Each structure stands twice: as C-alpha cells, then as structure tokens.
Amino acid sequence: MIKTIELSTASQPLADYTKDFSEKTVILTLNRRVVAAVVSVQDIDLESFSLSENSEFIEIIERAREEFKTGKRVSLAEMKGEFLG
C-alpha cells in the first residue's frame, strides 16, 4: 500500500509517521512534486538493501546476466582452478 505525505501541509513531524513507514511505502511530496520515498526494510537485511542501491553492484549483476544469456559460463572446476590456483 502506498501513502503520500505532502510536506508543505503535514500536520505533524515525520517522526510521528514512523508507524506508517513500517507498514507501507510512503511517498513524500513538496508542493505536489515527489521528493522522496520511504520504503520499509523491516523484512530485509541491511546488506541486501545496501547492495540493491549500489549502482556498481547492479552493473556487475546485469553484465553477468547478459553473459549467461549468451552462453558464457564457467564450470565449478574452472572457477576452483582460477581462485585456488
């Protein structure tokens, strides 16, 4: 569920909305323009969330998926040979 809070007319401090933050996505607007989204991380570990926001990591994953689609794969034996020498 998504809730929108217009910051210019909010009747209480953002801290008072924390109950909403844990239950749904909250869109923050200023003068009816979206400025931020607050998404609950209640059921997500911090490391996974951090990686999902890391553009360098996302680029690595996308590149690996493309390589996999084109048939570029490495066997377990090849990988062990590469990393274990």
PDB file of N, CA and C in Angstrom:
ATOM      1  N   MET A   1       0.843  -1.174   0.000  1.00  0.00           N
ATOM      2  CA  MET A   1       0.000   0.000   0.000  1.00  0.00           C
ATOM      3  C   MET A   1       0.894   1.245   0.000  1.00  0.00           C
ATOM      4  N   ILE A   2       0.485   2.259  -0.692  1.00  0.00           N
ATOM      5  CA  ILE A   2       1.252   3.495  -0.790  1.00  0.00           C
ATOM      6  C   ILE A   2       0.486   4.625  -0.116  1.00  0.00           C
ATOM      7  N   LYS A   3       1.207   5.392   0.668  1.00  0.00           N
ATOM      8  CA  LYS A   3       0.635   6.573   1.311  1.00  0.00           C
ATOM      9  C   LYS A   3       1.463   7.771   0.873  1.00  0.00           C
ATOM     10  N   THR A   4       0.817   8.903   0.656  1.00  0.00           N
ATOM     11  CA  THR A   4       1.512  10.130   0.265  1.00  0.00           C
ATOM     12  C   THR A   4       1.386  11.164   1.374  1.00  0.00           C
ATOM     13  N   ILE A   5       2.512  11.800   1.682  1.00  0.00           N
ATOM     14  CA  ILE A   5       2.525  12.879   2.674  1.00  0.00           C
ATOM     15  C   ILE A   5       3.028  14.128   1.974  1.00  0.00           C
ATOM     16  N   GLU A   6       2.224  15.172   1.961  1.00  0.00           N
ATOM     17  CA  GLU A   6       2.620  16.459   1.407  1.00  0.00           C
ATOM     18  C   GLU A   6       3.323  17.230   2.518  1.00  0.00           C
ATOM     19  N   LEU A   7       4.624  17.427   2.364  1.00  0.00           N
ATOM     20  CA  LEU A   7       5.433  18.037   3.421  1.00  0.00           C
ATOM     21  C   LEU A   7       5.032  19.477   3.736  1.00  0.00           C
ATOM     22  N   SER A   8       4.588  20.216   2.743  1.00  0.00           N
ATOM     23  CA  SER A   8       4.245  21.613   2.994  1.00  0.00           C
ATOM     24  C   SER A   8       2.989  21.770   3.848  1.00  0.00           C
ATOM     25  N   THR A   9       2.182  20.716   3.913  1.00  0.00           N
ATOM     26  CA  THR A   9       0.957  20.804   4.714  1.00  0.00           C
ATOM     27  C   THR A   9       0.883  19.728   5.795  1.00  0.00           C
ATOM     28  N   ALA A  10       1.997  19.023   6.021  1.00  0.00           N
ATOM     29  CA  ALA A  10       1.994  17.959   7.039  1.00  0.00           C
ATOM     30  C   ALA A  10       1.664  18.548   8.400  1.00  0.00           C
ATOM     31  N   SER A  11       0.775  17.876   9.104  1.00  0.00           N
ATOM     32  CA  SER A  11       0.308  18.396  10.387  1.00  0.00           C
ATOM     33  C   SER A  11       1.148  17.927  11.567  1.00  0.00           C
ATOM     34  N   GLN A  12       2.109  17.049  11.298  1.00  0.00           N
ATOM     35  CA  GLN A  12       2.958  16.535  12.375  1.00  0.00           C
ATOM     36  C   GLN A  12       4.359  16.272  11.841  1.00  0.00           C
ATOM     37  N   PRO A  13       5.341  16.155  12.724  1.00  0.00           N
ATOM     38  CA  PRO A  13       6.717  15.869  12.280  1.00  0.00           C
ATOM     39  C   PRO A  13       6.789  14.484  11.628  1.00  0.00           C
ATOM     40  N   LEU A  14       7.756  14.286  10.735  1.00  0.00           N
ATOM     41  CA  LEU A  14       7.906  12.990  10.070  1.00  0.00           C
ATOM     42  C   LEU A  14       8.063  11.845  11.057  1.00  0.00           C
ATOM     43  N   ALA A  15       8.710  12.101  12.179  1.00  0.00           N
ATOM     44  CA  ALA A  15       8.899  11.045  13.184  1.00  0.00           C
ATOM     45  C   ALA A  15       7.561  10.468  13.642  1.00  0.00           C
ATOM     46  N   ASP A  16       6.522  11.273  13.614  1.00  0.00           N
ATOM     47  CA  ASP A  16       5.205  10.794  14.029  1.00  0.00           C
ATOM     48  C   ASP A  16       4.574   9.839  13.017  1.00  0.00           C
ATOM     49  N   TYR A  17       5.131   9.776  11.817  1.00  0.00           N
ATOM     50  CA  TYR A  17       4.603   8.891  10.778  1.00  0.00           C
ATOM     51  C   TYR A  17       5.311   7.536  10.752  1.00  0.00           C
ATOM     52  N   THR A  18       6.225   7.286  11.677  1.00  0.00           N
ATOM     53  CA  THR A  18       7.049   6.069  11.592  1.00  0.00           C
ATOM     54  C   THR A  18       6.232   4.794  11.575  1.00  0.00           C
ATOM     55  N   LYS A  19       5.087   4.765  12.199  1.00  0.00           N
ATOM     56  CA  LYS A  19       4.224   3.572  12.138  1.00  0.00           C
ATOM     57  C   LYS A  19       3.866   3.281  10.685  1.00  0.00           C
ATOM     58  N   ASP A  20       3.560   4.321   9.918  1.00  0.00           N
ATOM     59  CA  ASP A  20       3.230   4.144   8.513  1.00  0.00           C
ATOM     60  C   ASP A  20       4.432   3.648   7.720  1.00  0.00           C
ATOM     61  N   PHE A  21       5.626   4.107   8.072  1.00  0.00           N
ATOM     62  CA  PHE A  21       6.829   3.715   7.347  1.00  0.00           C
ATOM     63  C   PHE A  21       7.062   2.208   7.418  1.00  0.00           C
ATOM     64  N   SER A  22       6.697   1.579   8.511  1.00  0.00           N
ATOM     65  CA  SER A  22       6.969   0.152   8.650  1.00  0.00           C
ATOM     66  C   SER A  22       5.918  -0.709   7.975  1.00  0.00           C
ATOM     67  N   GLU A  23       4.805  -0.135   7.579  1.00  0.00           N
ATOM     68  CA  GLU A  23       3.714  -0.924   7.018  1.00  0.00           C
ATOM     69  C   GLU A  23       3.513  -0.742   5.522  1.00  0.00           C
ATOM     70  N   LYS A  24       4.033   0.328   4.947  1.00  0.00           N
ATOM     71  CA  LYS A  24       3.768   0.604   3.541  1.00  0.00           C
ATOM     72  C   LYS A  24       4.841   1.524   2.978  1.00  0.00           C
ATOM     73  N   THR A  25       4.776   1.764   1.697  1.00  0.00           N
ATOM     74  CA  THR A  25       5.645   2.750   1.073  1.00  0.00           C
ATOM     75  C   THR A  25       5.013   4.118   1.268  1.00  0.00           C
ATOM     76  N   VAL A  26       5.818   5.066   1.690  1.00  0.00           N
ATOM     77  CA  VAL A  26       5.331   6.427   1.915  1.00  0.00           C
ATOM     78  C   VAL A  26       6.048   7.346   0.932  1.00  0.00           C
ATOM     79  N   ILE A  27       5.267   8.040   0.127  1.00  0.00           N
ATOM     80  CA  ILE A  27       5.806   8.985  -0.846  1.00  0.00           C
ATOM     81  C   ILE A  27       5.763  10.375  -0.217  1.00  0.00           C
ATOM     82  N   LEU A  28       6.904  11.056  -0.201  1.00  0.00           N
ATOM     83  CA  LEU A  28       6.970  12.412   0.337  1.00  0.00           C
ATOM     84  C   LEU A  28       6.964  13.391  -0.827  1.00  0.00           C
ATOM     85  N   THR A  29       6.062  14.356  -0.759  1.00  0.00           N
ATOM     86  CA  THR A  29       5.976  15.359  -1.809  1.00  0.00           C
ATOM     87  C   THR A  29       6.175  16.742  -1.206  1.00  0.00           C
ATOM     88  N   LEU A  30       6.633  17.639  -2.036  1.00  0.00           N
ATOM     89  CA  LEU A  30       6.774  19.039  -1.646  1.00  0.00           C
ATOM     90  C   LEU A  30       6.183  19.853  -2.785  1.00  0.00           C
ATOM     91  N   ASN A  31       5.147  20.588  -2.464  1.00  0.00           N
ATOM     92  CA  ASN A  31       4.411  21.337  -3.490  1.00  0.00           C
ATOM     93  C   ASN A  31       3.951  20.406  -4.613  1.00  0.00           C
ATOM     94  N   ARG A  32       3.461  19.229  -4.217  1.00  0.00           N
ATOM     95  CA  ARG A  32       2.896  18.198  -5.094  1.00  0.00           C
ATOM     96  C   ARG A  32       3.906  17.559  -6.041  1.00  0.00           C
ATOM     97  N   ARG A  33       5.207  17.745  -5.774  1.00  0.00           N
ATOM     98  CA  ARG A  33       6.259  17.081  -6.556  1.00  0.00           C
ATOM     99  C   ARG A  33       6.930  16.048  -5.667  1.00  0.00           C
ATOM    100  N   VAL A  34       7.085  14.846  -6.176  1.00  0.00           N
ATOM    101  CA  VAL A  34       7.707  13.776  -5.399  1.00  0.00           C
ATOM    102  C   VAL A  34       9.164  14.126  -5.126  1.00  0.00           C
ATOM    103  N   VAL A  35       9.554  14.065  -3.839  1.00  0.00           N
ATOM    104  CA  VAL A  35      10.945  14.357  -3.471  1.00  0.00           C
ATOM    105  C   VAL A  35      11.639  13.155  -2.852  1.00  0.00           C
ATOM    106  N   ALA A  36      10.864  12.191  -2.347  1.00  0.00           N
ATOM    107  CA  ALA A  36      11.475  11.007  -1.730  1.00  0.00           C
ATOM    108  C   ALA A  36      10.421   9.926  -1.539  1.00  0.00           C
ATOM    109  N   ALA A  37      10.919   8.719  -1.341  1.00  0.00           N
ATOM    110  CA  ALA A  37      10.048   7.602  -0.990  1.00  0.00           C
ATOM    111  C   ALA A  37      10.676   6.903   0.205  1.00  0.00           C
ATOM    112  N   VAL A  38       9.858   6.581   1.174  1.00  0.00           N
ATOM    113  CA  VAL A  38      10.314   5.836   2.344  1.00  0.00           C
ATOM    114  C   VAL A  38       9.750   4.425   2.209  1.00  0.00           C
ATOM    115  N   VAL A  39      10.652   3.453   2.181  1.00  0.00           N
ATOM    116  CA  VAL A  39      10.253   2.066   1.979  1.00  0.00           C
ATOM    117  C   VAL A  39      10.665   1.268   3.206  1.00  0.00           C
ATOM    118  N   SER A  40       9.772   0.458   3.705  1.00  0.00           N
ATOM    119  CA  SER A  40      10.074  -0.352   4.874  1.00  0.00           C
ATOM    120  C   SER A  40      11.176  -1.363   4.556  1.00  0.00           C
ATOM    121  N   VAL A  41      12.122  -1.480   5.468  1.00  0.00           N
ATOM    122  CA  VAL A  41      13.160  -2.506   5.354  1.00  0.00           C
ATOM    123  C   VAL A  41      13.008  -3.512   6.496  1.00  0.00           C
ATOM    124  N   GLN A  42      11.812  -3.569   7.011  1.00  0.00           N
ATOM    125  CA  GLN A  42      11.516  -4.431   8.156  1.00  0.00           C
ATOM    126  C   GLN A  42      11.873  -5.894   7.898  1.00  0.00           C
ATOM    127  N   ASP A  43      11.606  -6.402   6.703  1.00  0.00           N
ATOM    128  CA  ASP A  43      11.873  -7.806   6.396  1.00  0.00           C
ATOM    129  C   ASP A  43      13.062  -7.991   5.471  1.00  0.00           C
ATOM    130  N   ILE A  44      13.922  -6.973   5.385  1.00  0.00           N
ATOM    131  CA  ILE A  44      15.086  -7.014   4.503  1.00  0.00           C
ATOM    132  C   ILE A  44      16.339  -6.788   5.342  1.00  0.00           C
ATOM    133  N   ASP A  45      17.377  -7.622   5.105  1.00  0.00           N
ATOM    134  CA  ASP A  45      18.604  -7.381   5.850  1.00  0.00           C
ATOM    135  C   ASP A  45      19.335  -6.192   5.229  1.00  0.00           C
ATOM    136  N   LEU A  46      20.055  -5.462   6.048  1.00  0.00           N
ATOM    137  CA  LEU A  46      20.694  -4.214   5.639  1.00  0.00           C
ATOM    138  C   LEU A  46      21.695  -4.410   4.503  1.00  0.00           C
ATOM    139  N   GLU A  47      22.426  -5.523   4.521  1.00  0.00           N
ATOM    140  CA  GLU A  47      23.409  -5.764   3.464  1.00  0.00           C
ATOM    141  C   GLU A  47      22.731  -5.920   2.100  1.00  0.00           C
ATOM    142  N   SER A  48      21.643  -6.659   2.043  1.00  0.00           N
ATOM    143  CA  SER A  48      20.919  -6.825   0.776  1.00  0.00           C
ATOM    144  C   SER A  48      20.373  -5.499   0.285  1.00  0.00           C
ATOM    145  N   PHE A  49      19.830  -4.706   1.196  1.00  0.00           N
ATOM    146  CA  PHE A  49      19.311  -3.397   0.813  1.00  0.00           C
ATOM    147  C   PHE A  49      20.424  -2.505   0.281  1.00  0.00           C
ATOM    148  N   SER A  50      21.557  -2.494   0.967  1.00  0.00           N
ATOM    149  CA  SER A  50      22.683  -1.658   0.538  1.00  0.00           C
ATOM    150  C   SER A  50      23.162  -2.055  -0.853  1.00  0.00           C
ATOM    151  N   LEU A  51      23.266  -3.357  -1.103  1.00  0.00           N
ATOM    152  CA  LEU A  51      23.703  -3.818  -2.419  1.00  0.00           C
ATOM    153  C   LEU A  51      22.691  -3.459  -3.500  1.00  0.00           C
ATOM    154  N   SER A  52      21.409  -3.515  -3.178  1.00  0.00           N
ATOM    155  CA  SER A  52      20.384  -3.212  -4.180  1.00  0.00           C
ATOM    156  C   SER A  52      20.405  -1.741  -4.583  1.00  0.00           C
ATOM    157  N   GLU A  53      21.021  -0.896  -3.781  1.00  0.00           N
ATOM    158  CA  GLU A  53      21.117   0.532  -4.074  1.00  0.00           C
ATOM    159  C   GLU A  53      22.481   0.922  -4.640  1.00  0.00           C
ATOM    160  N   ASN A  54      23.384  -0.045  -4.787  1.00  0.00           N
ATOM    161  CA  ASN A  54      24.741   0.222  -5.248  1.00  0.00           C
ATOM    162  C   ASN A  54      24.809   0.072  -6.767  1.00  0.00           C
ATOM    163  N   SER A  55      24.983   1.168  -7.488  1.00  0.00           N
ATOM    164  CA  SER A  55      24.954   1.134  -8.955  1.00  0.00           C
ATOM    165  C   SER A  55      26.075   0.267  -9.533  1.00  0.00           C
ATOM    166  N   GLU A  56      27.221   0.248  -8.893  1.00  0.00           N
ATOM    167  CA  GLU A  56      28.333  -0.581  -9.375  1.00  0.00           C
ATOM    168  C   GLU A  56      27.984  -2.068  -9.269  1.00  0.00           C
ATOM    169  N   PHE A  57      27.372  -2.471  -8.152  1.00  0.00           N
ATOM    170  CA  PHE A  57      26.964  -3.862  -7.964  1.00  0.00           C
ATOM    171  C   PHE A  57      25.879  -4.239  -8.980  1.00  0.00           C
ATOM    172  N   ILE A  58      24.914  -3.352  -9.189  1.00  0.00           N
ATOM    173  CA  ILE A  58      23.835  -3.615 -10.142  1.00  0.00           C
ATOM    174  C   ILE A  58      24.399  -3.793 -11.551  1.00  0.00           C
ATOM    175  N   GLU A  59      25.384  -2.991 -11.902  1.00  0.00           N
ATOM    176  CA  GLU A  59      26.025  -3.106 -13.214  1.00  0.00           C
ATOM    177  C   GLU A  59      26.728  -4.459 -13.363  1.00  0.00           C
ATOM    178  N   ILE A  60      27.395  -4.919 -12.316  1.00  0.00           N
ATOM    179  CA  ILE A  60      28.066  -6.228 -12.343  1.00  0.00           C
ATOM    180  C   ILE A  60      27.041  -7.341 -12.555  1.00  0.00           C
ATOM    181  N   ILE A  61      25.932  -7.278 -11.846  1.00  0.00           N
ATOM    182  CA  ILE A  61      24.886  -8.303 -11.963  1.00  0.00           C
ATOM    183  C   ILE A  61      24.292  -8.288 -13.370  1.00  0.00           C
ATOM    184  N   GLU A  62      24.002  -7.116 -13.903  1.00  0.00           N
ATOM    185  CA  GLU A  62      23.433  -7.013 -15.254  1.00  0.00           C
ATOM    186  C   GLU A  62      24.396  -7.577 -16.298  1.00  0.00           C
ATOM    187  N   ARG A  63      25.681  -7.259 -16.152  1.00  0.00           N
ATOM    188  CA  ARG A  63      26.687  -7.773 -17.086  1.00  0.00           C
ATOM    189  C   ARG A  63      26.768  -9.299 -17.006  1.00  0.00           C
ATOM    190  N   ALA A  64      26.721  -9.840 -15.794  1.00  0.00           N
ATOM    191  CA  ALA A  64      26.777 -11.292 -15.607  1.00  0.00           C
ATOM    192  C   ALA A  64      25.545 -11.963 -16.226  1.00  0.00           C
ATOM    193  N   ARG A  65      24.379 -11.356 -16.073  1.00  0.00           N
ATOM    194  CA  ARG A  65      23.154 -11.923 -16.661  1.00  0.00           C
ATOM    195  C   ARG A  65      23.241 -11.945 -18.185  1.00  0.00           C
ATOM    196  N   GLU A  66      23.776 -10.884 -18.776  1.00  0.00           N
ATOM    197  CA  GLU A  66      23.941 -10.833 -20.228  1.00  0.00           C
ATOM    198  C   GLU A  66      24.912 -11.911 -20.698  1.00  0.00           C
ATOM    199  N   GLU A  67      26.018 -12.071 -19.985  1.00  0.00           N
ATOM    200  CA  GLU A  67      26.992 -13.105 -20.342  1.00  0.00           C
ATOM    201  C   GLU A  67      26.357 -14.484 -20.255  1.00  0.00           C
ATOM    202  N   PHE A  68      25.558 -14.710 -19.231  1.00  0.00           N
ATOM    203  CA  PHE A  68      24.897 -16.003 -19.062  1.00  0.00           C
ATOM    204  C   PHE A  68      23.939 -16.267 -20.224  1.00  0.00           C
ATOM    205  N   LYS A  69      23.187 -15.238 -20.624  1.00  0.00           N
ATOM    206  CA  LYS A  69      22.243 -15.380 -21.743  1.00  0.00           C
ATOM    207  C   LYS A  69      22.956 -15.765 -23.036  1.00  0.00           C
ATOM    208  N   THR A  70      24.169 -15.256 -23.229  1.00  0.00           N
ATOM    209  CA  THR A  70      24.905 -15.534 -24.457  1.00  0.00           C
ATOM    210  C   THR A  70      25.693 -16.834 -24.375  1.00  0.00           C
ATOM    211  N   GLY A  71      25.546 -17.549 -23.270  1.00  0.00           N
ATOM    212  CA  GLY A  71      26.200 -18.845 -23.144  1.00  0.00           C
ATOM    213  C   GLY A  71      27.563 -18.813 -22.488  1.00  0.00           C
ATOM    214  N   LYS A  72      28.007 -17.661 -22.050  1.00  0.00           N
ATOM    215  CA  LYS A  72      29.313 -17.568 -21.403  1.00  0.00           C
ATOM    216  C   LYS A  72      29.168 -18.042 -19.960  1.00  0.00           C
ATOM    217  N   ARG A  73      29.727 -19.207 -19.705  1.00  0.00           N
ATOM    218  CA  ARG A  73      29.631 -19.797 -18.367  1.00  0.00           C
ATOM    219  C   ARG A  73      30.979 -20.388 -17.984  1.00  0.00           C
ATOM    220  N   VAL A  74      31.191 -20.524 -16.688  1.00  0.00           N
ATOM    221  CA  VAL A  74      32.422 -21.115 -16.165  1.00  0.00           C
ATOM    222  C   VAL A  74      32.014 -22.286 -15.291  1.00  0.00           C
ATOM    223  N   SER A  75      32.659 -23.429 -15.494  1.00  0.00           N
ATOM    224  CA  SER A  75      32.343 -24.597 -14.675  1.00  0.00           C
ATOM    225  C   SER A  75      32.923 -24.417 -13.269  1.00  0.00           C
ATOM    226  N   LEU A  76      32.433 -25.205 -12.340  1.00  0.00           N
ATOM    227  CA  LEU A  76      32.942 -25.158 -10.970  1.00  0.00           C
ATOM    228  C   LEU A  76      34.427 -25.504 -10.939  1.00  0.00           C
ATOM    229  N   ALA A  77      34.820 -26.482 -11.720  1.00  0.00           N
ATOM    230  CA  ALA A  77      36.234 -26.875 -11.770  1.00  0.00           C
ATOM    231  C   ALA A  77      37.097 -25.723 -12.285  1.00  0.00           C
ATOM    232  N   GLU A  78      36.623 -25.020 -13.318  1.00  0.00           N
ATOM    233  CA  GLU A  78      37.366 -23.871 -13.836  1.00  0.00           C
ATOM    234  C   GLU A  78      37.465 -22.755 -12.808  1.00  0.00           C
ATOM    235  N   MET A  79      36.380 -22.537 -12.104  1.00  0.00           N
ATOM    236  CA  MET A  79      36.375 -21.487 -11.088  1.00  0.00           C
ATOM    237  C   MET A  79      37.326 -21.823  -9.953  1.00  0.00           C
ATOM    238  N   LYS A  80      37.309 -23.083  -9.499  1.00  0.00           N
ATOM    239  CA  LYS A  80      38.234 -23.504  -8.437  1.00  0.00           C
ATOM    240  C   LYS A  80      39.672 -23.345  -8.900  1.00  0.00           C
ATOM    241  N   GLY A  81      39.938 -23.708 -10.146  1.00  0.00           N
ATOM    242  CA  GLY A  81      41.290 -23.568 -10.683  1.00  0.00           C
ATOM    243  C   GLY A  81      41.737 -22.111 -10.721  1.00  0.00           C
ATOM    244  N   GLU A  82      40.806 -21.243 -11.064  1.00  0.00           N
ATOM    245  CA  GLU A  82      41.111 -19.804 -11.153  1.00  0.00           C
ATOM    246  C   GLU A  82      41.398 -19.204  -9.781  1.00  0.00           C
ATOM    247  N   PHE A  83      40.604 -19.585  -8.783  1.00  0.00           N
ATOM    248  CA  PHE A  83      40.717 -18.937  -7.477  1.00  0.00           C
ATOM    249  C   PHE A  83      41.603 -19.690  -6.489  1.00  0.00           C
ATOM    250  N   LEU A  84      41.737 -20.978  -6.670  1.00  0.00           N
ATOM    251  CA  LEU A  84      42.553 -21.757  -5.727  1.00  0.00           C
ATOM    252  C   LEU A  84      43.947 -22.032  -6.275  1.00  0.00           C
ATOM    253  N   GLY A  85      44.136 -21.703  -7.546  1.00  0.00           N
ATOM    254  CA  GLY A  85      45.445 -21.823  -8.178  1.00  0.00           C
ATOM    255  C   GLY A  85      45.875 -23.203  -8.352  1.00  0.00           C
TER     256      GLY A  85
END
